[in-house]
PDB file of N, CA and C in Angstrom:
ATOM      1  N   MET A   1       4.821  12.317 -25.849  1.00  0.00           N
ATOM      2  CA  MET A   1       4.268  11.524 -24.885  1.00  0.00           C
ATOM      3  C   MET A   1       3.403  10.678 -24.300  1.00  0.00           C
ATOM      4  N   ASN A   2       3.954   9.821 -23.789  1.00  0.00           N
ATOM      5  CA  ASN A   2       3.534   8.196 -23.610  1.00  0.00           C
ATOM      6  C   ASN A   2       2.149   8.439 -23.084  1.00  0.00           C
ATOM      7  N   ARG A   3       1.432   7.622 -23.881  1.00  0.00           N
ATOM      8  CA  ARG A   3      -0.194   8.612 -23.104  1.00  0.00           C
ATOM      9  C   ARG A   3      -0.641   7.204 -22.856  1.00  0.00           C
ATOM     10  N   ASN A   4       0.021   5.994 -22.601  1.00  0.00           N
ATOM     11  CA  ASN A   4      -0.413   4.969 -22.114  1.00  0.00           C
ATOM     12  C   ASN A   4       0.059   4.015 -21.161  1.00  0.00           C
ATOM     13  N   VAL A   5       0.340   5.142 -20.317  1.00  0.00           N
ATOM     14  CA  VAL A   5       0.400   5.071 -18.971  1.00  0.00           C
ATOM     15  C   VAL A   5      -0.435   5.072 -17.965  1.00  0.00           C
ATOM     16  N   LYS A   6      -0.095   3.278 -17.368  1.00  0.00           N
ATOM     17  CA  LYS A   6      -0.970   3.713 -16.215  1.00  0.00           C
ATOM     18  C   LYS A   6       0.101   4.827 -14.478  1.00  0.00           C
ATOM     19  N   LYS A   7      -1.736   5.287 -14.153  1.00  0.00           N
ATOM     20  CA  LYS A   7      -0.968   5.573 -13.488  1.00  0.00           C
ATOM     21  C   LYS A   7      -2.584   5.764 -12.231  1.00  0.00           C
ATOM     22  N   ALA A   8      -1.778   5.469 -10.878  1.00  0.00           N
ATOM     23  CA  ALA A   8      -2.832   5.055  -9.456  1.00  0.00           C
ATOM     24  C   ALA A   8      -3.949   6.534  -9.773  1.00  0.00           C
ATOM     25  N   LEU A   9      -4.991   6.271  -9.152  1.00  0.00           N
ATOM     26  CA  LEU A   9      -5.661   7.318  -8.851  1.00  0.00           C
ATOM     27  C   LEU A   9      -5.515   7.932  -8.159  1.00  0.00           C
ATOM     28  N   ASP A  10      -5.553   9.217  -7.628  1.00  0.00           N
ATOM     29  CA  ASP A  10      -5.914  10.141  -6.164  1.00  0.00           C
ATOM     30  C   ASP A  10      -7.180   9.785  -5.521  1.00  0.00           C
ATOM     31  N   LEU A  11      -7.748   8.947  -5.377  1.00  0.00           N
ATOM     32  CA  LEU A  11      -9.131   8.799  -4.528  1.00  0.00           C
ATOM     33  C   LEU A  11      -9.685   9.306  -2.725  1.00  0.00           C
ATOM     34  N   ALA A  12      -9.001   9.507  -2.861  1.00  0.00           N
ATOM     35  CA  ALA A  12      -8.682  10.221  -1.563  1.00  0.00           C
ATOM     36  C   ALA A  12     -10.594  11.454  -1.477  1.00  0.00           C
ATOM     37  N   THR A  13     -10.205  12.273  -1.651  1.00  0.00           N
ATOM     38  CA  THR A  13     -11.634  13.119  -1.430  1.00  0.00           C
ATOM     39  C   THR A  13     -12.751  12.685  -1.611  1.00  0.00           C
ATOM     40  N   MET A  14     -12.924  11.023  -2.167  1.00  0.00           N
ATOM     41  CA  MET A  14     -14.347   9.745  -2.340  1.00  0.00           C
ATOM     42  C   MET A  14     -14.138   9.015  -1.709  1.00  0.00           C
ATOM     43  N   GLY A  15     -12.954   8.280  -0.807  1.00  0.00           N
ATOM     44  CA  GLY A  15     -12.646   7.302   0.288  1.00  0.00           C
ATOM     45  C   GLY A  15     -12.649   5.801  -0.268  1.00  0.00           C
ATOM     46  N   SER A  16     -11.663   6.511  -2.113  1.00  0.00           N
ATOM     47  CA  SER A  16     -12.020   4.765  -2.394  1.00  0.00           C
ATOM     48  C   SER A  16     -10.571   4.630  -1.964  1.00  0.00           C
ATOM     49  N   SER A  17     -10.721   3.036  -2.433  1.00  0.00           N
ATOM     50  CA  SER A  17      -9.073   2.264  -2.393  1.00  0.00           C
ATOM     51  C   SER A  17      -8.168   2.207  -3.485  1.00  0.00           C
ATOM     52  N   ILE A  18      -6.737   2.173  -3.618  1.00  0.00           N
ATOM     53  CA  ILE A  18      -7.064   1.017  -4.466  1.00  0.00           C
ATOM     54  C   ILE A  18      -6.425   0.337  -4.545  1.00  0.00           C
ATOM     55  N   LEU A  19      -6.396  -0.596  -5.073  1.00  0.00           N
ATOM     56  CA  LEU A  19      -6.478  -1.645  -5.210  1.00  0.00           C
ATOM     57  C   LEU A  19      -5.303  -2.096  -6.389  1.00  0.00           C
ATOM     58  N   TRP A  20      -4.478  -3.636  -5.959  1.00  0.00           N
ATOM     59  CA  TRP A  20      -3.233  -4.039  -6.745  1.00  0.00           C
ATOM     60  C   TRP A  20      -3.113  -5.504  -5.963  1.00  0.00           C
ATOM     61  N   PRO A  21      -3.277  -6.561  -6.785  1.00  0.00           N
ATOM     62  CA  PRO A  21      -4.214  -7.045  -7.176  1.00  0.00           C
ATOM     63  C   PRO A  21      -5.287  -7.173  -6.577  1.00  0.00           C
ATOM     64  N   SER A  22      -6.065  -7.977  -6.679  1.00  0.00           N
ATOM     65  CA  SER A  22      -7.206  -7.931  -5.512  1.00  0.00           C
ATOM     66  C   SER A  22      -7.279  -8.690  -4.115  1.00  0.00           C
ATOM     67  N   LEU A  23      -7.806  -8.168  -3.417  1.00  0.00           N
ATOM     68  CA  LEU A  23      -7.086  -9.523  -1.920  1.00  0.00           C
ATOM     69  C   LEU A  23      -8.387  -9.859  -1.676  1.00  0.00           C
ATOM     70  N   GLU A  24      -8.613 -10.629  -2.737  1.00  0.00           N
ATOM     71  CA  GLU A  24     -10.356 -11.617  -2.278  1.00  0.00           C
ATOM     72  C   GLU A  24      -9.043 -13.005  -2.433  1.00  0.00           C
ATOM     73  N   GLY A  25     -10.220 -13.610  -1.282  1.00  0.00           N
ATOM     74  CA  GLY A  25      -9.933 -14.807  -1.090  1.00  0.00           C
ATOM     75  C   GLY A  25      -7.885 -14.905   0.060  1.00  0.00           C
ATOM     76  N   VAL A  26      -7.576 -13.486  -0.235  1.00  0.00           N
ATOM     77  CA  VAL A  26      -5.903 -14.145   0.527  1.00  0.00           C
ATOM     78  C   VAL A  26      -6.337 -14.018   2.374  1.00  0.00           C
ATOM     79  N   THR A  27      -6.006 -14.873   3.027  1.00  0.00           N
ATOM     80  CA  THR A  27      -6.162 -15.511   4.043  1.00  0.00           C
ATOM     81  C   THR A  27      -5.028 -14.423   5.315  1.00  0.00           C
ATOM     82  N   ASP A  28      -3.809 -14.471   4.815  1.00  0.00           N
ATOM     83  CA  ASP A  28      -2.698 -13.908   5.038  1.00  0.00           C
ATOM     84  C   ASP A  28      -2.199 -12.196   5.271  1.00  0.00           C
ATOM     85  N   LEU A  29      -2.755 -11.243   6.143  1.00  0.00           N
ATOM     86  CA  LEU A  29      -3.042  -9.670   5.376  1.00  0.00           C
ATOM     87  C   LEU A  29      -2.227  -9.689   6.346  1.00  0.00           C
ATOM     88  N   MET A  30      -2.113  -8.408   6.249  1.00  0.00           N
ATOM     89  CA  MET A  30      -0.623  -7.488   7.829  1.00  0.00           C
ATOM     90  C   MET A  30      -1.972  -5.853   6.956  1.00  0.00           C
ATOM     91  N   LYS A  31      -2.298  -5.002   8.658  1.00  0.00           N
ATOM     92  CA  LYS A  31      -3.249  -4.256   7.773  1.00  0.00           C
ATOM     93  C   LYS A  31      -2.115  -3.163   8.675  1.00  0.00           C
ATOM     94  N   PHE A  32      -1.465  -2.073   7.671  1.00  0.00           N
ATOM     95  CA  PHE A  32      -1.533  -1.207   8.471  1.00  0.00           C
ATOM     96  C   PHE A  32      -1.872   0.746   9.029  1.00  0.00           C
ATOM     97  N   SER A  33      -1.536   1.203   9.909  1.00  0.00           N
ATOM     98  CA  SER A  33      -1.681   2.191   9.019  1.00  0.00           C
ATOM     99  C   SER A  33      -0.437   2.941   8.918  1.00  0.00           C
ATOM    100  N   ILE A  34      -0.591   4.326   8.643  1.00  0.00           N
ATOM    101  CA  ILE A  34       0.491   5.299   7.703  1.00  0.00           C
ATOM    102  C   ILE A  34       0.100   6.654   7.911  1.00  0.00           C
ATOM    103  N   PRO A  35       0.355   7.114   8.999  1.00  0.00           N
ATOM    104  CA  PRO A  35       0.012   8.434   9.266  1.00  0.00           C
ATOM    105  C   PRO A  35       0.236   9.561   8.401  1.00  0.00           C
ATOM    106  N   LYS A  36       1.540   9.227   7.678  1.00  0.00           N
ATOM    107  CA  LYS A  36       1.986  10.189   5.998  1.00  0.00           C
ATOM    108  C   LYS A  36       1.545  10.104   4.869  1.00  0.00           C
ATOM    109  N   MET A  37       0.830   8.989   4.198  1.00  0.00           N
ATOM    110  CA  MET A  37       0.546   8.956   3.349  1.00  0.00           C
ATOM    111  C   MET A  37      -1.114   9.389   3.281  1.00  0.00           C
ATOM    112  N   LYS A  38      -1.089  10.383   2.115  1.00  0.00           N
ATOM    113  CA  LYS A  38      -2.080  11.303   1.933  1.00  0.00           C
ATOM    114  C   LYS A  38      -2.162  11.353   0.554  1.00  0.00           C
ATOM    115  N   CYS A  39      -1.186  11.079  -0.169  1.00  0.00           N
ATOM    116  CA  CYS A  39      -2.217  11.135  -1.643  1.00  0.00           C
ATOM    117  C   CYS A  39      -1.768   9.975  -2.659  1.00  0.00           C
ATOM    118  N   GLY A  40      -2.361  10.587  -3.704  1.00  0.00           N
ATOM    119  CA  GLY A  40      -1.513   9.452  -4.708  1.00  0.00           C
ATOM    120  C   GLY A  40      -0.169   8.999  -5.145  1.00  0.00           C
ATOM    121  N   GLY A  41       0.492   9.947  -5.322  1.00  0.00           N
ATOM    122  CA  GLY A  41       1.625  10.030  -5.035  1.00  0.00           C
ATOM    123  C   GLY A  41       2.533   9.059  -3.787  1.00  0.00           C
ATOM    124  N   CYS A  42       1.882   9.273  -2.781  1.00  0.00           N
ATOM    125  CA  CYS A  42       2.603   8.311  -1.196  1.00  0.00           C
ATOM    126  C   CYS A  42       1.980   7.364  -1.593  1.00  0.00           C
ATOM    127  N   ALA A  43       1.121   7.024  -2.107  1.00  0.00           N
ATOM    128  CA  ALA A  43       0.230   5.419  -2.530  1.00  0.00           C
ATOM    129  C   ALA A  43       1.129   4.633  -2.881  1.00  0.00           C
ATOM    130  N   ASP A  44       1.650   5.866  -4.266  1.00  0.00           N
ATOM    131  CA  ASP A  44       2.495   5.116  -5.525  1.00  0.00           C
ATOM    132  C   ASP A  44       3.246   4.695  -4.463  1.00  0.00           C
ATOM    133  N   SER A  45       4.629   5.356  -3.722  1.00  0.00           N
ATOM    134  CA  SER A  45       5.782   5.085  -2.999  1.00  0.00           C
ATOM    135  C   SER A  45       5.611   4.007  -2.311  1.00  0.00           C
ATOM    136  N   VAL A  46       4.337   4.750  -1.110  1.00  0.00           N
ATOM    137  CA  VAL A  46       3.814   2.481  -0.499  1.00  0.00           C
ATOM    138  C   VAL A  46       4.554   1.942  -1.242  1.00  0.00           C
ATOM    139  N   THR A  47       3.647   1.304  -2.728  1.00  0.00           N
ATOM    140  CA  THR A  47       2.935   0.787  -3.323  1.00  0.00           C
ATOM    141  C   THR A  47       4.520  -0.154  -3.263  1.00  0.00           C
ATOM    142  N   ALA A  48       5.408   0.992  -4.265  1.00  0.00           N
ATOM    143  CA  ALA A  48       6.789  -0.185  -4.796  1.00  0.00           C
ATOM    144  C   ALA A  48       7.738  -0.264  -3.212  1.00  0.00           C
ATOM    145  N   ALA A  49       7.311   0.551  -2.162  1.00  0.00           N
ATOM    146  CA  ALA A  49       8.300   0.256  -0.947  1.00  0.00           C
ATOM    147  C   ALA A  49       8.051  -1.945  -0.963  1.00  0.00           C
ATOM    148  N   LEU A  50       6.870  -2.186  -1.473  1.00  0.00           N
ATOM    149  CA  LEU A  50       5.785  -3.208  -0.682  1.00  0.00           C
ATOM    150  C   LEU A  50       6.168  -4.128  -2.335  1.00  0.00           C
ATOM    151  N   ARG A  51       5.828  -3.434  -3.018  1.00  0.00           N
ATOM    152  CA  ARG A  51       7.024  -4.563  -4.153  1.00  0.00           C
ATOM    153  C   ARG A  51       7.958  -5.128  -4.242  1.00  0.00           C
ATOM    154  N   GLY A  52       8.781  -4.041  -3.765  1.00  0.00           N
ATOM    155  CA  GLY A  52      10.561  -4.758  -3.537  1.00  0.00           C
ATOM    156  C   GLY A  52      10.213  -6.116  -2.613  1.00  0.00           C
ATOM    157  N   LEU A  53       9.408  -6.179  -1.459  1.00  0.00           N
ATOM    158  CA  LEU A  53       9.218  -7.070  -0.289  1.00  0.00           C
ATOM    159  C   LEU A  53       8.541  -8.407  -1.682  1.00  0.00           C
ATOM    160  N   ASP A  54       7.890  -7.888  -1.999  1.00  0.00           N
ATOM    161  CA  ASP A  54       7.065  -9.045  -2.476  1.00  0.00           C
ATOM    162  C   ASP A  54       5.978  -9.122  -3.940  1.00  0.00           C
ATOM    163  N   ALA A  55       7.231  -9.225  -4.987  1.00  0.00           N
ATOM    164  CA  ALA A  55       5.940  -8.263  -6.374  1.00  0.00           C
ATOM    165  C   ALA A  55       5.135  -8.963  -6.864  1.00  0.00           C
ATOM    166  N   THR A  56       3.948  -9.675  -6.581  1.00  0.00           N
ATOM    167  CA  THR A  56       3.328 -10.690  -7.262  1.00  0.00           C
ATOM    168  C   THR A  56       1.419 -10.124  -5.583  1.00  0.00           C
ATOM    169  N   ALA A  57       2.038 -10.249  -4.817  1.00  0.00           N
ATOM    170  CA  ALA A  57       1.609  -9.590  -3.136  1.00  0.00           C
ATOM    171  C   ALA A  57       0.266  -8.205  -3.499  1.00  0.00           C
ATOM    172  N   PRO A  58      -1.142  -8.551  -2.959  1.00  0.00           N
ATOM    173  CA  PRO A  58      -1.979  -8.183  -3.414  1.00  0.00           C
ATOM    174  C   PRO A  58      -1.704  -7.648  -2.030  1.00  0.00           C
ATOM    175  N   ILE A  59      -2.234  -5.788  -2.940  1.00  0.00           N
ATOM    176  CA  ILE A  59      -2.140  -4.545  -1.770  1.00  0.00           C
ATOM    177  C   ILE A  59      -2.964  -3.626  -1.734  1.00  0.00           C
ATOM    178  N   GLU A  60      -4.041  -3.206  -1.075  1.00  0.00           N
ATOM    179  CA  GLU A  60      -5.508  -2.324  -1.346  1.00  0.00           C
ATOM    180  C   GLU A  60      -4.714  -1.182  -0.146  1.00  0.00           C
ATOM    181  N   ILE A  61      -5.190   0.093  -0.895  1.00  0.00           N
ATOM    182  CA  ILE A  61      -4.821   1.575  -0.001  1.00  0.00           C
ATOM    183  C   ILE A  61      -6.103   2.038   0.512  1.00  0.00           C
ATOM    184  N   ASP A  62      -6.069   2.261   1.319  1.00  0.00           N
ATOM    185  CA  ASP A  62      -7.470   3.828   2.040  1.00  0.00           C
ATOM    186  C   ASP A  62      -6.833   4.041   2.397  1.00  0.00           C
ATOM    187  N   LEU A  63      -6.955   5.444   0.972  1.00  0.00           N
ATOM    188  CA  LEU A  63      -5.373   6.744   1.033  1.00  0.00           C
ATOM    189  C   LEU A  63      -6.628   7.379   2.484  1.00  0.00           C
ATOM    190  N   GLU A  64      -8.039   7.611   2.431  1.00  0.00           N
ATOM    191  CA  GLU A  64      -8.181   8.292   3.345  1.00  0.00           C
ATOM    192  C   GLU A  64      -8.893   7.906   4.775  1.00  0.00           C
ATOM    193  N   LYS A  65      -8.389   6.433   5.004  1.00  0.00           N
ATOM    194  CA  LYS A  65      -7.958   6.058   7.007  1.00  0.00           C
ATOM    195  C   LYS A  65      -6.593   5.994   6.996  1.00  0.00           C
ATOM    196  N   LYS A  66      -5.756   6.160   6.174  1.00  0.00           N
ATOM    197  CA  LYS A  66      -4.342   6.119   5.693  1.00  0.00           C
ATOM    198  C   LYS A  66      -3.635   4.737   6.130  1.00  0.00           C
ATOM    199  N   GLU A  67      -4.382   4.206   5.372  1.00  0.00           N
ATOM    200  CA  GLU A  67      -4.548   2.390   5.751  1.00  0.00           C
ATOM    201  C   GLU A  67      -4.176   1.437   4.848  1.00  0.00           C
ATOM    202  N   VAL A  68      -2.661   0.367   4.920  1.00  0.00           N
ATOM    203  CA  VAL A  68      -2.989  -0.629   3.612  1.00  0.00           C
ATOM    204  C   VAL A  68      -2.788  -2.294   4.326  1.00  0.00           C
ATOM    205  N   GLU A  69      -3.514  -3.079   3.392  1.00  0.00           N
ATOM    206  CA  GLU A  69      -3.471  -3.773   3.778  1.00  0.00           C
ATOM    207  C   GLU A  69      -2.175  -4.767   3.011  1.00  0.00           C
ATOM    208  N   PHE A  70      -1.832  -5.743   3.265  1.00  0.00           N
ATOM    209  CA  PHE A  70      -0.630  -6.415   2.826  1.00  0.00           C
ATOM    210  C   PHE A  70      -0.464  -7.664   2.425  1.00  0.00           C
ATOM    211  N   GLY A  71      -0.989  -8.764   1.470  1.00  0.00           N
ATOM    212  CA  GLY A  71      -1.248  -9.379   1.128  1.00  0.00           C
ATOM    213  C   GLY A  71       0.559 -10.509   0.984  1.00  0.00           C
ATOM    214  N   GLY A  72       1.441  -9.925   1.597  1.00  0.00           N
ATOM    215  CA  GLY A  72       2.979 -10.964   0.802  1.00  0.00           C
ATOM    216  C   GLY A  72       3.224 -11.904   1.669  1.00  0.00           C
ATOM    217  N   ASN A  73       3.836 -12.537   1.915  1.00  0.00           N
ATOM    218  CA  ASN A  73       4.277 -13.508   2.428  1.00  0.00           C
ATOM    219  C   ASN A  73       5.551 -12.964   2.865  1.00  0.00           C
ATOM    220  N   VAL A  74       5.734 -11.994   3.970  1.00  0.00           N
ATOM    221  CA  VAL A  74       6.868 -11.116   4.176  1.00  0.00           C
ATOM    222  C   VAL A  74       6.943 -10.873   5.746  1.00  0.00           C
ATOM    223  N   PRO A  75       7.592 -11.340   6.619  1.00  0.00           N
ATOM    224  CA  PRO A  75       7.700 -10.989   8.269  1.00  0.00           C
ATOM    225  C   PRO A  75       6.955  -9.623   8.401  1.00  0.00           C
ATOM    226  N   GLN A  76       6.342  -9.119   9.190  1.00  0.00           N
ATOM    227  CA  GLN A  76       5.927  -7.786   9.212  1.00  0.00           C
ATOM    228  C   GLN A  76       6.853  -6.787   9.693  1.00  0.00           C
ATOM    229  N   ASP A  77       7.736  -7.209  10.189  1.00  0.00           N
ATOM    230  CA  ASP A  77       9.479  -6.472  10.758  1.00  0.00           C
ATOM    231  C   ASP A  77      10.072  -6.142   9.019  1.00  0.00           C
ATOM    232  N   ARG A  78       9.943  -6.741   8.938  1.00  0.00           N
ATOM    233  CA  ARG A  78      10.472  -6.562   7.115  1.00  0.00           C
ATOM    234  C   ARG A  78       9.952  -5.129   6.672  1.00  0.00           C
ATOM    235  N   VAL A  79       8.512  -5.605   6.730  1.00  0.00           N
ATOM    236  CA  VAL A  79       7.496  -4.862   6.008  1.00  0.00           C
ATOM    237  C   VAL A  79       7.423  -3.034   6.078  1.00  0.00           C
ATOM    238  N   LEU A  80       7.382  -3.429   7.557  1.00  0.00           N
ATOM    239  CA  LEU A  80       7.363  -2.236   8.830  1.00  0.00           C
ATOM    240  C   LEU A  80       9.397  -1.471   8.512  1.00  0.00           C
ATOM    241  N   SER A  81      10.083  -2.393   7.928  1.00  0.00           N
ATOM    242  CA  SER A  81      11.218  -1.683   7.810  1.00  0.00           C
ATOM    243  C   SER A  81      11.432  -0.650   6.516  1.00  0.00           C
ATOM    244  N   ALA A  82      10.543  -1.316   5.641  1.00  0.00           N
ATOM    245  CA  ALA A  82      10.146  -1.111   3.860  1.00  0.00           C
ATOM    246  C   ALA A  82       9.763   0.290   4.265  1.00  0.00           C
ATOM    247  N   LEU A  83       8.743   0.564   4.624  1.00  0.00           N
ATOM    248  CA  LEU A  83       7.738   1.247   4.716  1.00  0.00           C
ATOM    249  C   LEU A  83       8.753   3.066   5.057  1.00  0.00           C
ATOM    250  N   ALA A  84       9.251   2.842   6.651  1.00  0.00           N
ATOM    251  CA  ALA A  84       9.913   3.374   7.230  1.00  0.00           C
ATOM    252  C   ALA A  84      11.510   3.616   6.412  1.00  0.00           C
ATOM    253  N   ALA A  85      11.389   3.186   5.778  1.00  0.00           N
ATOM    254  CA  ALA A  85      13.031   3.618   4.881  1.00  0.00           C
ATOM    255  C   ALA A  85      12.239   4.784   3.370  1.00  0.00           C
ATOM    256  N   ALA A  86      11.040   3.983   2.963  1.00  0.00           N
ATOM    257  CA  ALA A  86      10.593   4.435   2.142  1.00  0.00           C
ATOM    258  C   ALA A  86      10.557   6.323   2.431  1.00  0.00           C
ATOM    259  N   GLY A  87      10.150   6.724   3.514  1.00  0.00           N
ATOM    260  CA  GLY A  87       9.826   7.882   4.394  1.00  0.00           C
ATOM    261  C   GLY A  87       8.344   7.979   5.080  1.00  0.00           C
ATOM    262  N   PHE A  88       7.748   6.798   5.207  1.00  0.00           N
ATOM    263  CA  PHE A  88       5.718   6.693   5.606  1.00  0.00           C
ATOM    264  C   PHE A  88       5.907   5.264   6.447  1.00  0.00           C
ATOM    265  N   PRO A  89       7.105   5.907   7.977  1.00  0.00           N
ATOM    266  CA  PRO A  89       6.424   5.275   8.928  1.00  0.00           C
ATOM    267  C   PRO A  89       4.922   4.402   9.179  1.00  0.00           C
ATOM    268  N   ALA A  90       5.098   3.255   9.495  1.00  0.00           N
ATOM    269  CA  ALA A  90       4.156   2.792   9.717  1.00  0.00           C
ATOM    270  C   ALA A  90       3.699   1.924  11.461  1.00  0.00           C
ATOM    271  N   ALA A  91       2.330   1.548  11.470  1.00  0.00           N
ATOM    272  CA  ALA A  91       2.201   0.580  13.092  1.00  0.00           C
ATOM    273  C   ALA A  91       0.980  -0.164  12.464  1.00  0.00           C
ATOM    274  N   ASN A  92       1.430  -1.491  13.340  1.00  0.00           N
ATOM    275  CA  ASN A  92       0.234  -2.482  12.823  1.00  0.00           C
ATOM    276  C   ASN A  92      -1.393  -2.697  13.535  1.00  0.00           C
ATOM    277  N   VAL A  93      -2.050  -2.079  12.740  1.00  0.00           N
ATOM    278  CA  VAL A  93      -3.622  -2.598  12.920  1.00  0.00           C
ATOM    279  C   VAL A  93      -3.898  -3.895  13.072  1.00  0.00           C
ATOM    280  N   GLN A  94      -4.663  -3.550  14.189  1.00  0.00           N
ATOM    281  CA  GLN A  94      -5.062  -4.969  15.005  1.00  0.00           C
ATOM    282  C   GLN A  94      -6.972  -4.802  13.929  1.00  0.00           C
TER     283      GLN A  94
END
C-alpha cells in the first residue's frame, strides 16, 4: 500500500474549504453553486473536471456551501459544460 498518496480532506462537517492552490491575488474568479457536491469524493470529481480545463488554475471548494471558486482563464460556458459532464451541474453565483 502506498502511504505517500495525498488525498483531499472531507471537511464539510467543519465548514472548511479545500484549496488547490491559493486564490490569494487572483482577480478573475468564477464562483459556482453545485448542489450535488456533498463529500470529498464529489470535490475530487469537481476538481478533476476543472483541472481538465486549466491544470494550474486556483480552485477553492466550500463543501458546506456547495460552492466552488475557479481562477482559470476559461470561458464560463466551458466551465459549466465540464462540470455538467462530470455529473455536477452548476449555476453561476454573483
